[in-house]
Amino acid sequence: QSDPLVQTIHSDATGEDIVAGCGELHLQVCIKDLRGFLKSAGKALVVSEPAVSFREAIAGETSEDAVAKSANKLNRIHAHAEAMPSDLVKAISDPAAPSALGD
């Protein structure tokens, strides 16, 4: 079976085969299918805890506000985004580091 939303990567450093998908439920289904396939071939599957890496960032200020409406169209959310100052990013990443932001 083939799922275009699943990626597999082999790590030469650890010898692991990494399966990447579109969320926890998606990966659970893929692992279940893979276990069934390997079981029929007499093989076992070892699964570790998932590691989630976030790679989203805002590179600059948005040119216009984003608007979202509720299902009943009575509520609206307006959002404007801009990148955080680098000293704030450092303070969040390493709370022990000295900061000019204050305590």
PDB file of N, CA and C in Angstrom:
ATOM      1  N   GLN A   1       0.853  -1.185   0.000  1.00  0.00           N
ATOM      2  CA  GLN A   1       0.000   0.000   0.000  1.00  0.00           C
ATOM      3  C   GLN A   1       0.885   1.230   0.000  1.00  0.00           C
ATOM      4  N   SER A   2       0.367   2.287  -0.585  1.00  0.00           N
ATOM      5  CA  SER A   2       1.137   3.511  -0.678  1.00  0.00           C
ATOM      6  C   SER A   2       0.327   4.680  -0.130  1.00  0.00           C
ATOM      7  N   ASP A   3       0.965   5.506   0.677  1.00  0.00           N
ATOM      8  CA  ASP A   3       0.332   6.707   1.221  1.00  0.00           C
ATOM      9  C   ASP A   3       1.235   7.883   0.873  1.00  0.00           C
ATOM     10  N   PRO A   4       0.789   8.777  -0.014  1.00  0.00           N
ATOM     11  CA  PRO A   4       1.656   9.879  -0.449  1.00  0.00           C
ATOM     12  C   PRO A   4       1.986  10.880   0.662  1.00  0.00           C
ATOM     13  N   LEU A   5       1.271  10.832   1.782  1.00  0.00           N
ATOM     14  CA  LEU A   5       1.530  11.769   2.871  1.00  0.00           C
ATOM     15  C   LEU A   5       2.532  11.237   3.892  1.00  0.00           C
ATOM     16  N   VAL A   6       3.043  10.035   3.673  1.00  0.00           N
ATOM     17  CA  VAL A   6       4.000   9.429   4.596  1.00  0.00           C
ATOM     18  C   VAL A   6       5.389   9.468   3.974  1.00  0.00           C
ATOM     19  N   GLN A   7       6.359   9.852   4.783  1.00  0.00           N
ATOM     20  CA  GLN A   7       7.758   9.841   4.343  1.00  0.00           C
ATOM     21  C   GLN A   7       8.531   8.890   5.241  1.00  0.00           C
ATOM     22  N   THR A   8       9.452   8.163   4.649  1.00  0.00           N
ATOM     23  CA  THR A   8      10.348   7.316   5.438  1.00  0.00           C
ATOM     24  C   THR A   8      11.768   7.766   5.186  1.00  0.00           C
ATOM     25  N   ILE A   9      12.531   7.858   6.269  1.00  0.00           N
ATOM     26  CA  ILE A   9      13.915   8.305   6.197  1.00  0.00           C
ATOM     27  C   ILE A   9      14.758   7.300   6.978  1.00  0.00           C
ATOM     28  N   HIS A  10      15.874   6.892   6.415  1.00  0.00           N
ATOM     29  CA  HIS A  10      16.782   5.993   7.124  1.00  0.00           C
ATOM     30  C   HIS A  10      17.934   6.812   7.691  1.00  0.00           C
ATOM     31  N   SER A  11      18.181   6.681   8.977  1.00  0.00           N
ATOM     32  CA  SER A  11      19.289   7.372   9.640  1.00  0.00           C
ATOM     33  C   SER A  11      20.486   6.434   9.706  1.00  0.00           C
ATOM     34  N   ASP A  12      21.555   6.779   8.982  1.00  0.00           N
ATOM     35  CA  ASP A  12      22.772   5.965   9.019  1.00  0.00           C
ATOM     36  C   ASP A  12      23.427   6.036  10.399  1.00  0.00           C
ATOM     37  N   ALA A  13      23.268   7.165  11.077  1.00  0.00           N
ATOM     38  CA  ALA A  13      23.908   7.340  12.378  1.00  0.00           C
ATOM     39  C   ALA A  13      23.332   6.397  13.430  1.00  0.00           C
ATOM     40  N   THR A  14      22.007   6.216  13.432  1.00  0.00           N
ATOM     41  CA  THR A  14      21.366   5.390  14.459  1.00  0.00           C
ATOM     42  C   THR A  14      20.879   4.049  13.937  1.00  0.00           C
ATOM     43  N   GLY A  15      20.797   3.902  12.614  1.00  0.00           N
ATOM     44  CA  GLY A  15      20.274   2.666  12.042  1.00  0.00           C
ATOM     45  C   GLY A  15      18.758   2.592  12.066  1.00  0.00           C
ATOM     46  N   GLU A  16      18.106   3.690  12.446  1.00  0.00           N
ATOM     47  CA  GLU A  16      16.645   3.712  12.537  1.00  0.00           C
ATOM     48  C   GLU A  16      16.018   4.078  11.197  1.00  0.00           C
ATOM     49  N   ASP A  17      14.841   3.545  10.984  1.00  0.00           N
ATOM     50  CA  ASP A  17      14.000   3.989   9.878  1.00  0.00           C
ATOM     51  C   ASP A  17      12.923   4.867  10.490  1.00  0.00           C
ATOM     52  N   ILE A  18      12.860   6.121  10.055  1.00  0.00           N
ATOM     53  CA  ILE A  18      11.947   7.103  10.631  1.00  0.00           C
ATOM     54  C   ILE A  18      10.750   7.258   9.711  1.00  0.00           C
ATOM     55  N   VAL A  19       9.564   7.204  10.305  1.00  0.00           N
ATOM     56  CA  VAL A  19       8.323   7.377   9.552  1.00  0.00           C
ATOM     57  C   VAL A  19       7.729   8.726   9.937  1.00  0.00           C
ATOM     58  N   ALA A  20       7.507   9.582   8.950  1.00  0.00           N
ATOM     59  CA  ALA A  20       6.935  10.911   9.184  1.00  0.00           C
ATOM     60  C   ALA A  20       5.586  10.991   8.507  1.00  0.00           C
ATOM     61  N   GLY A  21       4.599  11.539   9.223  1.00  0.00           N
ATOM     62  CA  GLY A  21       3.248  11.645   8.676  1.00  0.00           C
ATOM     63  C   GLY A  21       2.579  12.938   9.079  1.00  0.00           C
ATOM     64  N   CYS A  22       1.274  12.949   8.967  1.00  0.00           N
ATOM     65  CA  CYS A  22       0.482  14.168   9.188  1.00  0.00           C
ATOM     66  C   CYS A  22      -0.198  14.183  10.549  1.00  0.00           C
ATOM     67  N   GLY A  23       0.488  13.783  11.575  1.00  0.00           N
ATOM     68  CA  GLY A  23      -0.093  13.835  12.905  1.00  0.00           C
ATOM     69  C   GLY A  23      -0.104  12.471  13.572  1.00  0.00           C
ATOM     70  N   GLU A  24      -0.420  12.488  14.860  1.00  0.00           N
ATOM     71  CA  GLU A  24      -0.347  11.275  15.665  1.00  0.00           C
ATOM     72  C   GLU A  24      -1.307  10.192  15.187  1.00  0.00           C
ATOM     73  N   LEU A  25      -2.556  10.544  14.920  1.00  0.00           N
ATOM     74  CA  LEU A  25      -3.539   9.546  14.481  1.00  0.00           C
ATOM     75  C   LEU A  25      -3.135   8.925  13.144  1.00  0.00           C
ATOM     76  N   HIS A  26      -2.662   9.753  12.242  1.00  0.00           N
ATOM     77  CA  HIS A  26      -2.221   9.271  10.934  1.00  0.00           C
ATOM     78  C   HIS A  26      -1.086   8.260  11.100  1.00  0.00           C
ATOM     79  N   LEU A  27      -0.119   8.585  11.969  1.00  0.00           N
ATOM     80  CA  LEU A  27       1.002   7.676  12.195  1.00  0.00           C
ATOM     81  C   LEU A  27       0.554   6.397  12.888  1.00  0.00           C
ATOM     82  N   GLN A  28      -0.412   6.486  13.804  1.00  0.00           N
ATOM     83  CA  GLN A  28      -0.925   5.280  14.473  1.00  0.00           C
ATOM     84  C   GLN A  28      -1.512   4.307  13.456  1.00  0.00           C
ATOM     85  N   VAL A  29      -2.260   4.831  12.504  1.00  0.00           N
ATOM     86  CA  VAL A  29      -2.857   3.987  11.459  1.00  0.00           C
ATOM     87  C   VAL A  29      -1.755   3.368  10.596  1.00  0.00           C
ATOM     88  N   CYS A  30      -0.755   4.176  10.232  1.00  0.00           N
ATOM     89  CA  CYS A  30       0.347   3.661   9.413  1.00  0.00           C
ATOM     90  C   CYS A  30       1.118   2.563  10.145  1.00  0.00           C
ATOM     91  N   ILE A  31       1.387   2.778  11.446  1.00  0.00           N
ATOM     92  CA  ILE A  31       2.120   1.783  12.235  1.00  0.00           C
ATOM     93  C   ILE A  31       1.300   0.502  12.357  1.00  0.00           C
ATOM     94  N   LYS A  32      -0.008   0.632  12.535  1.00  0.00           N
ATOM     95  CA  LYS A  32      -0.888  -0.544  12.629  1.00  0.00           C
ATOM     96  C   LYS A  32      -0.819  -1.353  11.326  1.00  0.00           C
ATOM     97  N   ASP A  33      -0.916  -0.665  10.194  1.00  0.00           N
ATOM     98  CA  ASP A  33      -0.833  -1.339   8.903  1.00  0.00           C
ATOM     99  C   ASP A  33       0.533  -1.989   8.702  1.00  0.00           C
ATOM    100  N   LEU A  34       1.590  -1.273   9.095  1.00  0.00           N
ATOM    101  CA  LEU A  34       2.943  -1.795   8.932  1.00  0.00           C
ATOM    102  C   LEU A  34       3.175  -3.011   9.824  1.00  0.00           C
ATOM    103  N   ARG A  35       2.657  -2.966  11.053  1.00  0.00           N
ATOM    104  CA  ARG A  35       2.772  -4.120  11.958  1.00  0.00           C
ATOM    105  C   ARG A  35       2.101  -5.350  11.350  1.00  0.00           C
ATOM    106  N   GLY A  36       0.892  -5.169  10.800  1.00  0.00           N
ATOM    107  CA  GLY A  36       0.177  -6.280  10.177  1.00  0.00           C
ATOM    108  C   GLY A  36       0.935  -6.852   8.998  1.00  0.00           C
ATOM    109  N   PHE A  37       1.509  -5.982   8.178  1.00  0.00           N
ATOM    110  CA  PHE A  37       2.278  -6.424   7.018  1.00  0.00           C
ATOM    111  C   PHE A  37       3.513  -7.208   7.453  1.00  0.00           C
ATOM    112  N   LEU A  38       4.241  -6.679   8.442  1.00  0.00           N
ATOM    113  CA  LEU A  38       5.460  -7.351   8.904  1.00  0.00           C
ATOM    114  C   LEU A  38       5.160  -8.646   9.646  1.00  0.00           C
ATOM    115  N   LYS A  39       4.035  -8.664  10.391  1.00  0.00           N
ATOM    116  CA  LYS A  39       3.658  -9.880  11.120  1.00  0.00           C
ATOM    117  C   LYS A  39       3.406 -11.025  10.148  1.00  0.00           C
ATOM    118  N   SER A  40       2.758 -10.718   9.021  1.00  0.00           N
ATOM    119  CA  SER A  40       2.492 -11.764   8.030  1.00  0.00           C
ATOM    120  C   SER A  40       3.784 -12.273   7.402  1.00  0.00           C
ATOM    121  N   ALA A  41       4.846 -11.458   7.458  1.00  0.00           N
ATOM    122  CA  ALA A  41       6.145 -11.874   6.926  1.00  0.00           C
ATOM    123  C   ALA A  41       7.035 -12.467   8.019  1.00  0.00           C
ATOM    124  N   GLY A  42       6.495 -12.590   9.252  1.00  0.00           N
ATOM    125  CA  GLY A  42       7.262 -13.168  10.350  1.00  0.00           C
ATOM    126  C   GLY A  42       8.271 -12.215  10.964  1.00  0.00           C
ATOM    127  N   LYS A  43       8.057 -10.922  10.808  1.00  0.00           N
ATOM    128  CA  LYS A  43       8.971  -9.911  11.345  1.00  0.00           C
ATOM    129  C   LYS A  43       8.282  -9.140  12.461  1.00  0.00           C
ATOM    130  N   ALA A  44       9.080  -8.529  13.325  1.00  0.00           N
ATOM    131  CA  ALA A  44       8.550  -7.704  14.408  1.00  0.00           C
ATOM    132  C   ALA A  44       8.873  -6.236  14.133  1.00  0.00           C
ATOM    133  N   LEU A  45       8.117  -5.348  14.741  1.00  0.00           N
ATOM    134  CA  LEU A  45       8.309  -3.904  14.581  1.00  0.00           C
ATOM    135  C   LEU A  45       8.525  -3.290  15.951  1.00  0.00           C
ATOM    136  N   VAL A  46       9.607  -2.529  16.089  1.00  0.00           N
ATOM    137  CA  VAL A  46       9.899  -1.825  17.335  1.00  0.00           C
ATOM    138  C   VAL A  46       9.595  -0.349  17.093  1.00  0.00           C
ATOM    139  N   VAL A  47       8.739   0.218  17.938  1.00  0.00           N
ATOM    140  CA  VAL A  47       8.321   1.611  17.779  1.00  0.00           C
ATOM    141  C   VAL A  47       8.721   2.394  19.023  1.00  0.00           C
ATOM    142  N   SER A  48       9.376   3.528  18.828  1.00  0.00           N
ATOM    143  CA  SER A  48       9.753   4.383  19.953  1.00  0.00           C
ATOM    144  C   SER A  48       8.707   5.485  20.115  1.00  0.00           C
ATOM    145  N   GLU A  49       8.843   6.256  21.177  1.00  0.00           N
ATOM    146  CA  GLU A  49       7.953   7.388  21.386  1.00  0.00           C
ATOM    147  C   GLU A  49       8.147   8.383  20.247  1.00  0.00           C
ATOM    148  N   PRO A  50       7.077   9.024  19.813  1.00  0.00           N
ATOM    149  CA  PRO A  50       7.215   9.961  18.699  1.00  0.00           C
ATOM    150  C   PRO A  50       8.008  11.209  19.099  1.00  0.00           C
ATOM    151  N   ALA A  51       8.737  11.731  18.156  1.00  0.00           N
ATOM    152  CA  ALA A  51       9.455  12.991  18.334  1.00  0.00           C
ATOM    153  C   ALA A  51       8.856  13.987  17.351  1.00  0.00           C
ATOM    154  N   VAL A  52       8.305  15.050  17.868  1.00  0.00           N
ATOM    155  CA  VAL A  52       7.649  16.034  17.022  1.00  0.00           C
ATOM    156  C   VAL A  52       8.568  17.240  16.886  1.00  0.00           C
ATOM    157  N   SER A  53       8.851  17.605  15.659  1.00  0.00           N
ATOM    158  CA  SER A  53       9.676  18.793  15.429  1.00  0.00           C
ATOM    159  C   SER A  53       8.830  19.844  14.725  1.00  0.00           C
ATOM    160  N   PHE A  54       8.838  21.024  15.300  1.00  0.00           N
ATOM    161  CA  PHE A  54       8.094  22.134  14.725  1.00  0.00           C
ATOM    162  C   PHE A  54       9.059  23.002  13.935  1.00  0.00           C
ATOM    163  N   ARG A  55       8.677  23.332  12.733  1.00  0.00           N
ATOM    164  CA  ARG A  55       9.547  24.123  11.878  1.00  0.00           C
ATOM    165  C   ARG A  55       8.816  25.305  11.262  1.00  0.00           C
ATOM    166  N   GLU A  56       7.852  25.803  11.957  1.00  0.00           N
ATOM    167  CA  GLU A  56       7.105  26.939  11.441  1.00  0.00           C
ATOM    168  C   GLU A  56       7.666  28.216  12.029  1.00  0.00           C
ATOM    169  N   ALA A  57       7.716  29.258  11.222  1.00  0.00           N
ATOM    170  CA  ALA A  57       8.236  30.536  11.693  1.00  0.00           C
ATOM    171  C   ALA A  57       7.623  31.659  10.872  1.00  0.00           C
ATOM    172  N   ILE A  58       7.628  32.811  11.461  1.00  0.00           N
ATOM    173  CA  ILE A  58       7.180  34.014  10.760  1.00  0.00           C
ATOM    174  C   ILE A  58       8.443  34.788  10.401  1.00  0.00           C
ATOM    175  N   ALA A  59       8.653  34.989   9.121  1.00  0.00           N
ATOM    176  CA  ALA A  59       9.871  35.641   8.668  1.00  0.00           C
ATOM    177  C   ALA A  59       9.744  37.161   8.651  1.00  0.00           C
ATOM    178  N   GLY A  60       8.538  37.665   8.493  1.00  0.00           N
ATOM    179  CA  GLY A  60       8.345  39.109   8.429  1.00  0.00           C
ATOM    180  C   GLY A  60       6.925  39.476   8.805  1.00  0.00           C
ATOM    181  N   GLU A  61       6.637  40.743   8.754  1.00  0.00           N
ATOM    182  CA  GLU A  61       5.305  41.224   9.122  1.00  0.00           C
ATOM    183  C   GLU A  61       4.304  40.905   8.008  1.00  0.00           C
ATOM    184  N   THR A  62       3.085  40.518   8.406  1.00  0.00           N
ATOM    185  CA  THR A  62       2.059  40.223   7.409  1.00  0.00           C
ATOM    186  C   THR A  62       1.573  41.523   6.783  1.00  0.00           C
ATOM    187  N   SER A  63       1.215  41.444   5.523  1.00  0.00           N
ATOM    188  CA  SER A  63       0.783  42.650   4.816  1.00  0.00           C
ATOM    189  C   SER A  63      -0.677  42.991   5.095  1.00  0.00           C
ATOM    190  N   GLU A  64      -1.444  42.007   5.514  1.00  0.00           N
ATOM    191  CA  GLU A  64      -2.849  42.257   5.842  1.00  0.00           C
ATOM    192  C   GLU A  64      -3.298  41.325   6.953  1.00  0.00           C
ATOM    193  N   ASP A  65      -4.366  41.705   7.631  1.00  0.00           N
ATOM    194  CA  ASP A  65      -4.886  40.877   8.714  1.00  0.00           C
ATOM    195  C   ASP A  65      -5.609  39.656   8.162  1.00  0.00           C
ATOM    196  N   ALA A  66      -5.498  38.555   8.878  1.00  0.00           N
ATOM    197  CA  ALA A  66      -6.262  37.354   8.547  1.00  0.00           C
ATOM    198  C   ALA A  66      -7.545  37.394   9.367  1.00  0.00           C
ATOM    199  N   VAL A  67      -8.658  37.004   8.765  1.00  0.00           N
ATOM    200  CA  VAL A  67      -9.949  37.026   9.444  1.00  0.00           C
ATOM    201  C   VAL A  67     -10.556  35.633   9.397  1.00  0.00           C
ATOM    202  N   ALA A  68     -11.006  35.158  10.553  1.00  0.00           N
ATOM    203  CA  ALA A  68     -11.706  33.879  10.630  1.00  0.00           C
ATOM    204  C   ALA A  68     -13.066  34.120  11.244  1.00  0.00           C
ATOM    205  N   LYS A  69     -14.092  33.472  10.701  1.00  0.00           N
ATOM    206  CA  LYS A  69     -15.454  33.620  11.213  1.00  0.00           C
ATOM    207  C   LYS A  69     -15.908  32.318  11.855  1.00  0.00           C
ATOM    208  N   SER A  70     -16.719  32.432  12.880  1.00  0.00           N
ATOM    209  CA  SER A  70     -17.272  31.242  13.520  1.00  0.00           C
ATOM    210  C   SER A  70     -18.330  30.629  12.612  1.00  0.00           C
ATOM    211  N   ALA A  71     -18.736  29.408  12.942  1.00  0.00           N
ATOM    212  CA  ALA A  71     -19.719  28.693  12.117  1.00  0.00           C
ATOM    213  C   ALA A  71     -21.032  29.474  11.996  1.00  0.00           C
ATOM    214  N   ASN A  72     -21.441  30.153  13.072  1.00  0.00           N
ATOM    215  CA  ASN A  72     -22.694  30.900  13.010  1.00  0.00           C
ATOM    216  C   ASN A  72     -22.500  32.324  12.487  1.00  0.00           C
ATOM    217  N   LYS A  73     -21.262  32.666  12.130  1.00  0.00           N
ATOM    218  CA  LYS A  73     -20.880  33.958  11.549  1.00  0.00           C
ATOM    219  C   LYS A  73     -21.132  35.145  12.475  1.00  0.00           C
ATOM    220  N   LEU A  74     -21.286  34.894  13.769  1.00  0.00           N
ATOM    221  CA  LEU A  74     -21.493  35.980  14.721  1.00  0.00           C
ATOM    222  C   LEU A  74     -20.182  36.424  15.367  1.00  0.00           C
ATOM    223  N   ASN A  75     -19.162  35.607  15.286  1.00  0.00           N
ATOM    224  CA  ASN A  75     -17.876  35.918  15.901  1.00  0.00           C
ATOM    225  C   ASN A  75     -16.791  35.963  14.838  1.00  0.00           C
ATOM    226  N   ARG A  76     -15.874  36.897  14.994  1.00  0.00           N
ATOM    227  CA  ARG A  76     -14.756  37.015  14.061  1.00  0.00           C
ATOM    228  C   ARG A  76     -13.460  37.155  14.843  1.00  0.00           C
ATOM    229  N   ILE A  77     -12.420  36.601  14.291  1.00  0.00           N
ATOM    230  CA  ILE A  77     -11.089  36.736  14.871  1.00  0.00           C
ATOM    231  C   ILE A  77     -10.207  37.396  13.818  1.00  0.00           C
ATOM    232  N   HIS A  78      -9.564  38.475  14.213  1.00  0.00           N
ATOM    233  CA  HIS A  78      -8.625  39.165  13.332  1.00  0.00           C
ATOM    234  C   HIS A  78      -7.221  38.894  13.848  1.00  0.00           C
ATOM    235  N   ALA A  79      -6.302  38.512  12.963  1.00  0.00           N
ATOM    236  CA  ALA A  79      -4.938  38.207  13.372  1.00  0.00           C
ATOM    237  C   ALA A  79      -3.938  38.947  12.504  1.00  0.00           C
ATOM    238  N   HIS A  80      -2.922  39.446  13.150  1.00  0.00           N
ATOM    239  CA  HIS A  80      -1.815  40.128  12.483  1.00  0.00           C
ATOM    240  C   HIS A  80      -0.538  39.508  13.036  1.00  0.00           C
ATOM    241  N   ALA A  81       0.412  39.165  12.199  1.00  0.00           N
ATOM    242  CA  ALA A  81       1.618  38.481  12.662  1.00  0.00           C
ATOM    243  C   ALA A  81       2.873  39.247  12.269  1.00  0.00           C
ATOM    244  N   GLU A  82       3.852  39.177  13.165  1.00  0.00           N
ATOM    245  CA  GLU A  82       5.175  39.702  12.866  1.00  0.00           C
ATOM    246  C   GLU A  82       6.187  38.900  13.672  1.00  0.00           C
ATOM    247  N   ALA A  83       7.407  38.889  13.201  1.00  0.00           N
ATOM    248  CA  ALA A  83       8.462  38.119  13.866  1.00  0.00           C
ATOM    249  C   ALA A  83       8.758  38.705  15.244  1.00  0.00           C
ATOM    250  N   MET A  84       9.102  37.799  16.187  1.00  0.00           N
ATOM    251  CA  MET A  84       9.475  38.250  17.530  1.00  0.00           C
ATOM    252  C   MET A  84      10.895  38.799  17.511  1.00  0.00           C
ATOM    253  N   PRO A  85      11.199  39.756  18.388  1.00  0.00           N
ATOM    254  CA  PRO A  85      12.580  40.237  18.477  1.00  0.00           C
ATOM    255  C   PRO A  85      13.505  39.094  18.897  1.00  0.00           C
ATOM    256  N   SER A  86      14.735  39.120  18.420  1.00  0.00           N
ATOM    257  CA  SER A  86      15.668  38.016  18.677  1.00  0.00           C
ATOM    258  C   SER A  86      15.941  37.825  20.168  1.00  0.00           C
ATOM    259  N   ASP A  87      15.948  38.915  20.974  1.00  0.00           N
ATOM    260  CA  ASP A  87      16.191  38.741  22.404  1.00  0.00           C
ATOM    261  C   ASP A  87      15.029  38.024  23.086  1.00  0.00           C
ATOM    262  N   LEU A  88      13.810  38.192  22.594  1.00  0.00           N
ATOM    263  CA  LEU A  88      12.662  37.469  23.131  1.00  0.00           C
ATOM    264  C   LEU A  88      12.753  35.990  22.767  1.00  0.00           C
ATOM    265  N   VAL A  89      13.165  35.698  21.546  1.00  0.00           N
ATOM    266  CA  VAL A  89      13.332  34.301  21.114  1.00  0.00           C
ATOM    267  C   VAL A  89      14.382  33.616  21.990  1.00  0.00           C
ATOM    268  N   LYS A  90      15.486  34.300  22.255  1.00  0.00           N
ATOM    269  CA  LYS A  90      16.536  33.731  23.112  1.00  0.00           C
ATOM    270  C   LYS A  90      16.026  33.500  24.527  1.00  0.00           C
ATOM    271  N   ALA A  91      15.234  34.447  25.054  1.00  0.00           N
ATOM    272  CA  ALA A  91      14.695  34.309  26.415  1.00  0.00           C
ATOM    273  C   ALA A  91      13.740  33.128  26.515  1.00  0.00           C
ATOM    274  N   ILE A  92      12.973  32.876  25.477  1.00  0.00           N
ATOM    275  CA  ILE A  92      12.048  31.738  25.473  1.00  0.00           C
ATOM    276  C   ILE A  92      12.823  30.429  25.326  1.00  0.00           C
ATOM    277  N   SER A  93      13.820  30.423  24.440  1.00  0.00           N
ATOM    278  CA  SER A  93      14.590  29.205  24.186  1.00  0.00           C
ATOM    279  C   SER A  93      15.453  28.802  25.362  1.00  0.00           C
ATOM    280  N   ASP A  94      16.020  29.780  26.062  1.00  0.00           N
ATOM    281  CA  ASP A  94      16.907  29.491  27.191  1.00  0.00           C
ATOM    282  C   ASP A  94      16.535  30.400  28.360  1.00  0.00           C
ATOM    283  N   PRO A  95      15.569  29.976  29.197  1.00  0.00           N
ATOM    284  CA  PRO A  95      15.117  30.830  30.292  1.00  0.00           C
ATOM    285  C   PRO A  95      16.214  31.185  31.294  1.00  0.00           C
ATOM    286  N   ALA A  96      17.301  30.406  31.346  1.00  0.00           N
ATOM    287  CA  ALA A  96      18.379  30.699  32.286  1.00  0.00           C
ATOM    288  C   ALA A  96      19.320  31.786  31.778  1.00  0.00           C
ATOM    289  N   ALA A  97      19.247  32.102  30.503  1.00  0.00           N
ATOM    290  CA  ALA A  97      20.141  33.103  29.931  1.00  0.00           C
ATOM    291  C   ALA A  97      19.765  34.496  30.407  1.00  0.00           C
ATOM    292  N   PRO A  98      20.757  35.359  30.637  1.00  0.00           N
ATOM    293  CA  PRO A  98      20.442  36.732  31.044  1.00  0.00           C
ATOM    294  C   PRO A  98      19.703  37.451  29.919  1.00  0.00           C
ATOM    295  N   SER A  99      18.772  38.307  30.294  1.00  0.00           N
ATOM    296  CA  SER A  99      17.932  38.949  29.298  1.00  0.00           C
ATOM    297  C   SER A  99      17.699  40.401  29.658  1.00  0.00           C
ATOM    298  N   ALA A 100      17.567  41.229  28.639  1.00  0.00           N
ATOM    299  CA  ALA A 100      17.247  42.641  28.841  1.00  0.00           C
ATOM    300  C   ALA A 100      15.738  42.835  28.963  1.00  0.00           C
ATOM    301  N   LEU A 101      14.984  41.753  28.903  1.00  0.00           N
ATOM    302  CA  LEU A 101      13.522  41.848  28.953  1.00  0.00           C
ATOM    303  C   LEU A 101      13.010  42.072  30.367  1.00  0.00           C
ATOM    304  N   GLY A 102      13.806  41.775  31.357  1.00  0.00           N
ATOM    305  CA  GLY A 102      13.342  41.884  32.748  1.00  0.00           C
ATOM    306  C   GLY A 102      12.812  40.554  33.223  1.00  0.00           C
ATOM    307  N   ASP A 103      12.435  40.500  34.501  1.00  0.00           N
ATOM    308  CA  ASP A 103      11.949  39.240  35.079  1.00  0.00           C
ATOM    309  C   ASP A 103      10.462  39.139  35.043  1.00  0.00           C
TER     310      ASP A 103
END
